[in-house]
N, C-alpha and C. Protein backbone atom coordinates (compact mmCIF):
# COMPACT_ATOMS: atom_id res chain seq x y z
N MET A 1 -32.07 -80.18 -81.79
CA MET A 1 -32.57 -79.71 -80.49
C MET A 1 -33.48 -80.78 -79.91
N LYS A 2 -33.26 -81.06 -78.64
CA LYS A 2 -34.10 -82.02 -77.92
C LYS A 2 -34.85 -81.31 -76.81
N ILE A 3 -35.97 -81.90 -76.44
CA ILE A 3 -36.81 -81.32 -75.38
C ILE A 3 -36.00 -81.14 -74.09
N ILE A 4 -35.15 -82.08 -73.76
CA ILE A 4 -34.36 -81.99 -72.51
C ILE A 4 -33.48 -80.74 -72.52
N GLU A 5 -32.99 -80.33 -73.68
CA GLU A 5 -32.17 -79.11 -73.77
C GLU A 5 -33.02 -77.87 -73.48
N ILE A 6 -34.27 -77.90 -73.87
CA ILE A 6 -35.17 -76.78 -73.59
C ILE A 6 -35.48 -76.72 -72.09
N ILE A 7 -35.74 -77.87 -71.49
CA ILE A 7 -36.02 -77.93 -70.05
C ILE A 7 -34.89 -77.29 -69.25
N GLU A 8 -33.67 -77.56 -69.63
CA GLU A 8 -32.51 -77.01 -68.92
C GLU A 8 -32.50 -75.48 -68.95
N LYS A 9 -33.01 -74.88 -70.00
CA LYS A 9 -33.01 -73.42 -70.14
C LYS A 9 -33.96 -72.74 -69.15
N PHE A 10 -35.04 -73.42 -68.76
CA PHE A 10 -35.99 -72.77 -67.85
C PHE A 10 -36.03 -73.40 -66.46
N SER A 11 -35.02 -74.17 -66.12
CA SER A 11 -35.00 -74.84 -64.82
C SER A 11 -34.93 -73.87 -63.64
N ARG A 12 -34.47 -72.64 -63.84
CA ARG A 12 -34.35 -71.67 -62.75
C ARG A 12 -35.64 -70.86 -62.53
N LEU A 13 -36.61 -71.01 -63.42
CA LEU A 13 -37.85 -70.25 -63.30
C LEU A 13 -38.88 -71.00 -62.47
N GLY A 14 -39.82 -70.26 -61.92
CA GLY A 14 -40.87 -70.85 -61.09
C GLY A 14 -41.89 -71.62 -61.92
N ILE A 15 -42.20 -72.82 -61.48
CA ILE A 15 -43.19 -73.66 -62.14
C ILE A 15 -44.30 -73.96 -61.14
N TYR A 16 -45.51 -73.66 -61.52
CA TYR A 16 -46.68 -73.89 -60.67
C TYR A 16 -47.07 -75.37 -60.66
N GLU A 17 -47.00 -76.00 -61.84
CA GLU A 17 -47.41 -77.41 -61.94
C GLU A 17 -46.71 -78.06 -63.13
N LYS A 18 -46.13 -79.25 -62.91
CA LYS A 18 -45.61 -80.07 -64.00
C LYS A 18 -46.65 -81.12 -64.31
N ARG A 19 -47.23 -81.05 -65.49
CA ARG A 19 -48.28 -82.00 -65.87
C ARG A 19 -47.71 -83.21 -66.58
N GLU A 20 -46.75 -82.97 -67.48
CA GLU A 20 -46.13 -84.07 -68.22
C GLU A 20 -44.78 -83.63 -68.73
N VAL A 21 -43.79 -84.47 -68.56
CA VAL A 21 -42.45 -84.19 -69.08
C VAL A 21 -41.96 -85.48 -69.72
N GLY A 22 -41.82 -85.46 -71.03
CA GLY A 22 -41.37 -86.64 -71.76
C GLY A 22 -40.35 -86.26 -72.82
N ASP A 23 -39.95 -87.24 -73.61
CA ASP A 23 -38.95 -87.00 -74.65
C ASP A 23 -39.46 -86.11 -75.77
N ASP A 24 -40.76 -86.19 -76.07
CA ASP A 24 -41.32 -85.45 -77.19
C ASP A 24 -42.41 -84.45 -76.79
N TYR A 25 -42.71 -84.36 -75.49
CA TYR A 25 -43.81 -83.49 -75.06
C TYR A 25 -43.59 -83.02 -73.63
N ILE A 26 -43.81 -81.73 -73.43
CA ILE A 26 -43.78 -81.12 -72.10
C ILE A 26 -45.07 -80.33 -71.94
N GLU A 27 -45.69 -80.48 -70.79
CA GLU A 27 -46.81 -79.61 -70.45
C GLU A 27 -46.66 -79.22 -68.99
N LEU A 28 -46.62 -77.92 -68.76
CA LEU A 28 -46.51 -77.41 -67.41
C LEU A 28 -47.22 -76.08 -67.32
N VAL A 29 -47.33 -75.58 -66.11
CA VAL A 29 -47.96 -74.29 -65.85
C VAL A 29 -46.95 -73.41 -65.13
N PHE A 30 -46.79 -72.19 -65.63
CA PHE A 30 -45.86 -71.26 -64.99
C PHE A 30 -46.59 -69.99 -64.55
N TYR A 31 -45.90 -69.17 -63.78
CA TYR A 31 -46.46 -67.93 -63.26
C TYR A 31 -46.24 -66.78 -64.26
N ASN A 32 -47.26 -65.99 -64.47
CA ASN A 32 -47.17 -64.88 -65.41
C ASN A 32 -46.20 -63.78 -64.96
N THR A 33 -45.84 -63.76 -63.70
CA THR A 33 -44.88 -62.76 -63.24
C THR A 33 -43.53 -62.91 -63.94
N GLU A 34 -43.28 -64.10 -64.51
CA GLU A 34 -42.03 -64.35 -65.22
C GLU A 34 -42.23 -64.53 -66.72
N ILE A 35 -43.35 -64.06 -67.25
CA ILE A 35 -43.67 -64.29 -68.67
C ILE A 35 -42.63 -63.69 -69.60
N ALA A 36 -42.07 -62.55 -69.26
CA ALA A 36 -41.04 -61.94 -70.11
C ALA A 36 -39.82 -62.86 -70.22
N GLU A 37 -39.45 -63.49 -69.12
CA GLU A 37 -38.31 -64.42 -69.14
C GLU A 37 -38.62 -65.67 -69.96
N TRP A 38 -39.85 -66.19 -69.83
CA TRP A 38 -40.26 -67.35 -70.64
C TRP A 38 -40.23 -66.99 -72.12
N ASN A 39 -40.76 -65.82 -72.46
CA ASN A 39 -40.74 -65.40 -73.87
C ASN A 39 -39.31 -65.23 -74.38
N LYS A 40 -38.43 -64.70 -73.57
CA LYS A 40 -37.04 -64.53 -73.98
C LYS A 40 -36.38 -65.88 -74.25
N ILE A 41 -36.60 -66.83 -73.36
CA ILE A 41 -36.01 -68.16 -73.54
C ILE A 41 -36.47 -68.77 -74.86
N PHE A 42 -37.77 -68.72 -75.12
CA PHE A 42 -38.28 -69.34 -76.34
C PHE A 42 -37.91 -68.55 -77.59
N THR A 43 -37.80 -67.24 -77.49
CA THR A 43 -37.32 -66.45 -78.62
C THR A 43 -35.86 -66.79 -78.91
N ASP A 44 -35.05 -66.95 -77.87
CA ASP A 44 -33.65 -67.32 -78.05
C ASP A 44 -33.50 -68.69 -78.70
N ILE A 45 -34.34 -69.64 -78.31
CA ILE A 45 -34.24 -71.01 -78.81
C ILE A 45 -34.93 -71.18 -80.17
N LEU A 46 -36.13 -70.63 -80.29
CA LEU A 46 -36.98 -70.91 -81.45
C LEU A 46 -37.23 -69.71 -82.36
N ASP A 47 -36.57 -68.59 -82.08
CA ASP A 47 -36.78 -67.36 -82.83
C ASP A 47 -38.10 -66.71 -82.41
N PRO A 48 -38.40 -65.51 -82.93
CA PRO A 48 -39.64 -64.84 -82.51
C PRO A 48 -40.88 -65.69 -82.80
N ALA A 49 -41.91 -65.46 -82.01
CA ALA A 49 -43.16 -66.20 -82.15
C ALA A 49 -43.71 -66.07 -83.57
N ILE A 50 -44.18 -67.20 -84.12
CA ILE A 50 -44.81 -67.14 -85.44
C ILE A 50 -46.26 -66.68 -85.33
N LYS A 51 -46.82 -66.76 -84.11
CA LYS A 51 -48.17 -66.26 -83.84
C LYS A 51 -48.15 -65.65 -82.45
N PRO A 52 -47.88 -64.33 -82.36
CA PRO A 52 -47.87 -63.68 -81.05
C PRO A 52 -49.28 -63.56 -80.47
N ALA A 53 -49.36 -63.38 -79.17
CA ALA A 53 -50.63 -63.12 -78.51
C ALA A 53 -51.25 -61.87 -79.11
N GLY A 54 -52.56 -61.91 -79.30
CA GLY A 54 -53.28 -60.77 -79.85
C GLY A 54 -53.43 -60.79 -81.36
N VAL A 55 -52.83 -61.79 -82.02
CA VAL A 55 -52.92 -61.92 -83.47
C VAL A 55 -53.77 -63.14 -83.79
N LYS A 56 -54.73 -62.94 -84.68
CA LYS A 56 -55.62 -64.04 -85.06
C LYS A 56 -54.82 -65.12 -85.81
N PRO A 57 -54.98 -66.39 -85.43
CA PRO A 57 -54.21 -67.46 -86.10
C PRO A 57 -54.72 -67.72 -87.52
N ASN A 58 -53.78 -67.98 -88.42
CA ASN A 58 -54.17 -68.32 -89.79
C ASN A 58 -54.38 -69.84 -89.90
N LYS A 59 -54.80 -70.31 -91.06
CA LYS A 59 -55.10 -71.74 -91.24
C LYS A 59 -53.88 -72.62 -91.04
N ASP A 60 -52.70 -72.19 -91.50
CA ASP A 60 -51.49 -73.00 -91.32
C ASP A 60 -51.18 -73.22 -89.84
N VAL A 61 -51.31 -72.17 -89.07
CA VAL A 61 -51.06 -72.25 -87.63
C VAL A 61 -52.12 -73.13 -86.95
N GLN A 62 -53.35 -72.98 -87.36
CA GLN A 62 -54.42 -73.81 -86.80
C GLN A 62 -54.19 -75.28 -87.12
N ASN A 63 -53.81 -75.58 -88.36
CA ASN A 63 -53.55 -76.97 -88.75
C ASN A 63 -52.37 -77.56 -87.98
N LEU A 64 -51.33 -76.77 -87.77
CA LEU A 64 -50.15 -77.22 -87.05
C LEU A 64 -50.47 -77.60 -85.61
N THR A 65 -51.38 -76.87 -84.99
CA THR A 65 -51.63 -77.04 -83.55
C THR A 65 -52.89 -77.83 -83.21
N GLU A 66 -53.69 -78.19 -84.19
CA GLU A 66 -54.99 -78.79 -83.89
C GLU A 66 -54.90 -80.09 -83.09
N ASP A 67 -53.87 -80.90 -83.29
CA ASP A 67 -53.72 -82.14 -82.53
C ASP A 67 -53.33 -81.91 -81.07
N PHE A 68 -52.99 -80.67 -80.73
CA PHE A 68 -52.52 -80.35 -79.38
C PHE A 68 -53.42 -79.34 -78.68
N GLY A 69 -54.63 -79.19 -79.16
CA GLY A 69 -55.59 -78.28 -78.54
C GLY A 69 -55.83 -77.00 -79.29
N GLY A 70 -55.12 -76.80 -80.39
CA GLY A 70 -55.31 -75.60 -81.20
C GLY A 70 -54.64 -74.38 -80.60
N ILE A 71 -54.76 -73.28 -81.30
CA ILE A 71 -54.19 -72.01 -80.84
C ILE A 71 -55.21 -70.92 -81.11
N TYR A 72 -55.36 -70.01 -80.17
CA TYR A 72 -56.36 -68.96 -80.25
C TYR A 72 -55.69 -67.59 -80.21
N GLU A 73 -56.46 -66.57 -80.45
CA GLU A 73 -55.93 -65.22 -80.58
C GLU A 73 -55.09 -64.77 -79.38
N GLU A 74 -55.51 -65.09 -78.17
CA GLU A 74 -54.80 -64.63 -76.98
C GLU A 74 -53.56 -65.48 -76.64
N GLN A 75 -53.31 -66.52 -77.43
CA GLN A 75 -52.21 -67.43 -77.17
C GLN A 75 -51.02 -67.14 -78.08
N THR A 76 -49.86 -67.68 -77.70
CA THR A 76 -48.61 -67.47 -78.42
C THR A 76 -48.09 -68.80 -78.94
N LEU A 77 -47.53 -68.78 -80.15
CA LEU A 77 -46.96 -69.98 -80.76
C LEU A 77 -45.57 -69.69 -81.29
N TYR A 78 -44.64 -70.54 -80.87
CA TYR A 78 -43.27 -70.53 -81.40
C TYR A 78 -43.08 -71.79 -82.23
N LYS A 79 -42.24 -71.71 -83.25
CA LYS A 79 -41.94 -72.89 -84.07
C LYS A 79 -40.57 -72.72 -84.70
N LYS A 80 -39.81 -73.81 -84.68
CA LYS A 80 -38.53 -73.80 -85.39
C LYS A 80 -38.22 -75.20 -85.87
N GLU A 81 -37.74 -75.26 -87.10
CA GLU A 81 -37.33 -76.53 -87.68
C GLU A 81 -35.84 -76.72 -87.45
N PHE A 82 -35.50 -77.90 -86.93
CA PHE A 82 -34.12 -78.29 -86.73
C PHE A 82 -33.82 -79.42 -87.71
N GLU A 83 -32.64 -79.95 -87.66
CA GLU A 83 -32.21 -80.97 -88.63
C GLU A 83 -33.17 -82.15 -88.73
N ASN A 84 -33.54 -82.75 -87.60
CA ASN A 84 -34.36 -83.96 -87.62
C ASN A 84 -35.72 -83.80 -86.97
N THR A 85 -36.03 -82.60 -86.52
CA THR A 85 -37.28 -82.40 -85.79
C THR A 85 -37.75 -80.95 -85.90
N THR A 86 -39.01 -80.76 -85.65
CA THR A 86 -39.58 -79.42 -85.54
C THR A 86 -40.09 -79.27 -84.12
N ILE A 87 -39.73 -78.18 -83.48
CA ILE A 87 -40.18 -77.90 -82.11
C ILE A 87 -41.22 -76.79 -82.17
N ILE A 88 -42.36 -77.02 -81.50
CA ILE A 88 -43.33 -75.95 -81.33
C ILE A 88 -43.55 -75.75 -79.83
N ALA A 89 -43.84 -74.52 -79.46
CA ALA A 89 -44.15 -74.19 -78.07
C ALA A 89 -45.37 -73.28 -78.09
N MET A 90 -46.33 -73.59 -77.22
CA MET A 90 -47.57 -72.82 -77.14
C MET A 90 -47.74 -72.30 -75.72
N PHE A 91 -48.03 -71.02 -75.61
CA PHE A 91 -48.37 -70.39 -74.33
C PHE A 91 -49.88 -70.18 -74.30
N TRP A 92 -50.54 -70.75 -73.32
CA TRP A 92 -51.98 -70.61 -73.15
C TRP A 92 -52.24 -69.88 -71.84
N PRO A 93 -52.43 -68.56 -71.86
CA PRO A 93 -52.68 -67.83 -70.61
C PRO A 93 -54.05 -68.19 -70.02
N TRP A 94 -54.08 -68.29 -68.71
CA TRP A 94 -55.32 -68.58 -68.00
C TRP A 94 -56.11 -67.29 -67.85
N GLN A 95 -57.41 -67.42 -67.64
CA GLN A 95 -58.26 -66.25 -67.44
C GLN A 95 -58.00 -65.58 -66.09
N ASN A 96 -57.31 -66.26 -65.17
CA ASN A 96 -57.03 -65.66 -63.86
C ASN A 96 -55.89 -64.64 -63.91
N ASP A 97 -55.22 -64.52 -65.06
CA ASP A 97 -54.09 -63.60 -65.25
C ASP A 97 -52.91 -63.90 -64.33
N VAL A 98 -52.88 -65.08 -63.72
CA VAL A 98 -51.81 -65.46 -62.81
C VAL A 98 -50.92 -66.54 -63.43
N ASN A 99 -51.50 -67.42 -64.22
CA ASN A 99 -50.78 -68.58 -64.75
C ASN A 99 -50.91 -68.69 -66.26
N THR A 100 -49.97 -69.45 -66.84
CA THR A 100 -50.00 -69.79 -68.26
C THR A 100 -49.61 -71.25 -68.40
N THR A 101 -50.36 -71.98 -69.22
CA THR A 101 -49.98 -73.35 -69.56
C THR A 101 -49.00 -73.29 -70.72
N LEU A 102 -47.94 -74.08 -70.62
CA LEU A 102 -46.94 -74.19 -71.67
C LEU A 102 -46.96 -75.60 -72.21
N LYS A 103 -47.05 -75.72 -73.53
CA LYS A 103 -46.91 -77.01 -74.19
C LYS A 103 -45.75 -76.90 -75.16
N VAL A 104 -44.81 -77.85 -75.06
CA VAL A 104 -43.69 -77.92 -75.98
C VAL A 104 -43.73 -79.29 -76.62
N ILE A 105 -43.71 -79.32 -77.96
CA ILE A 105 -43.85 -80.56 -78.68
C ILE A 105 -42.72 -80.70 -79.69
N ALA A 106 -42.11 -81.89 -79.75
CA ALA A 106 -41.13 -82.22 -80.76
C ALA A 106 -41.83 -83.07 -81.82
N LEU A 107 -41.93 -82.55 -83.02
CA LEU A 107 -42.56 -83.25 -84.13
C LEU A 107 -41.49 -83.91 -84.98
N GLN A 108 -41.64 -85.17 -85.24
CA GLN A 108 -40.65 -85.91 -86.05
C GLN A 108 -41.04 -85.91 -87.51
């Protein structure tokens, strides 16, 4: 699985801001009105979240995400290992309840 293949899956959804789009890293902001669709896409690609929103992160999850800003109780983390890479996706909801930051990382 490559990051570009993930981008293609959510190209029809509304994006508030594209911060960075690269071969191994994506960071963008989307609208919470479509959060169910974003969750479905990532569940379909990466399986159910390993750390759903509302669940306190354990040490393994914290260690996995610390280089990318960490993960907190109100945030969601997806992870799946593929043949040559591991993909993680983090949803960071804003306090305004309108937007969520998405980070997708390909770990080699």
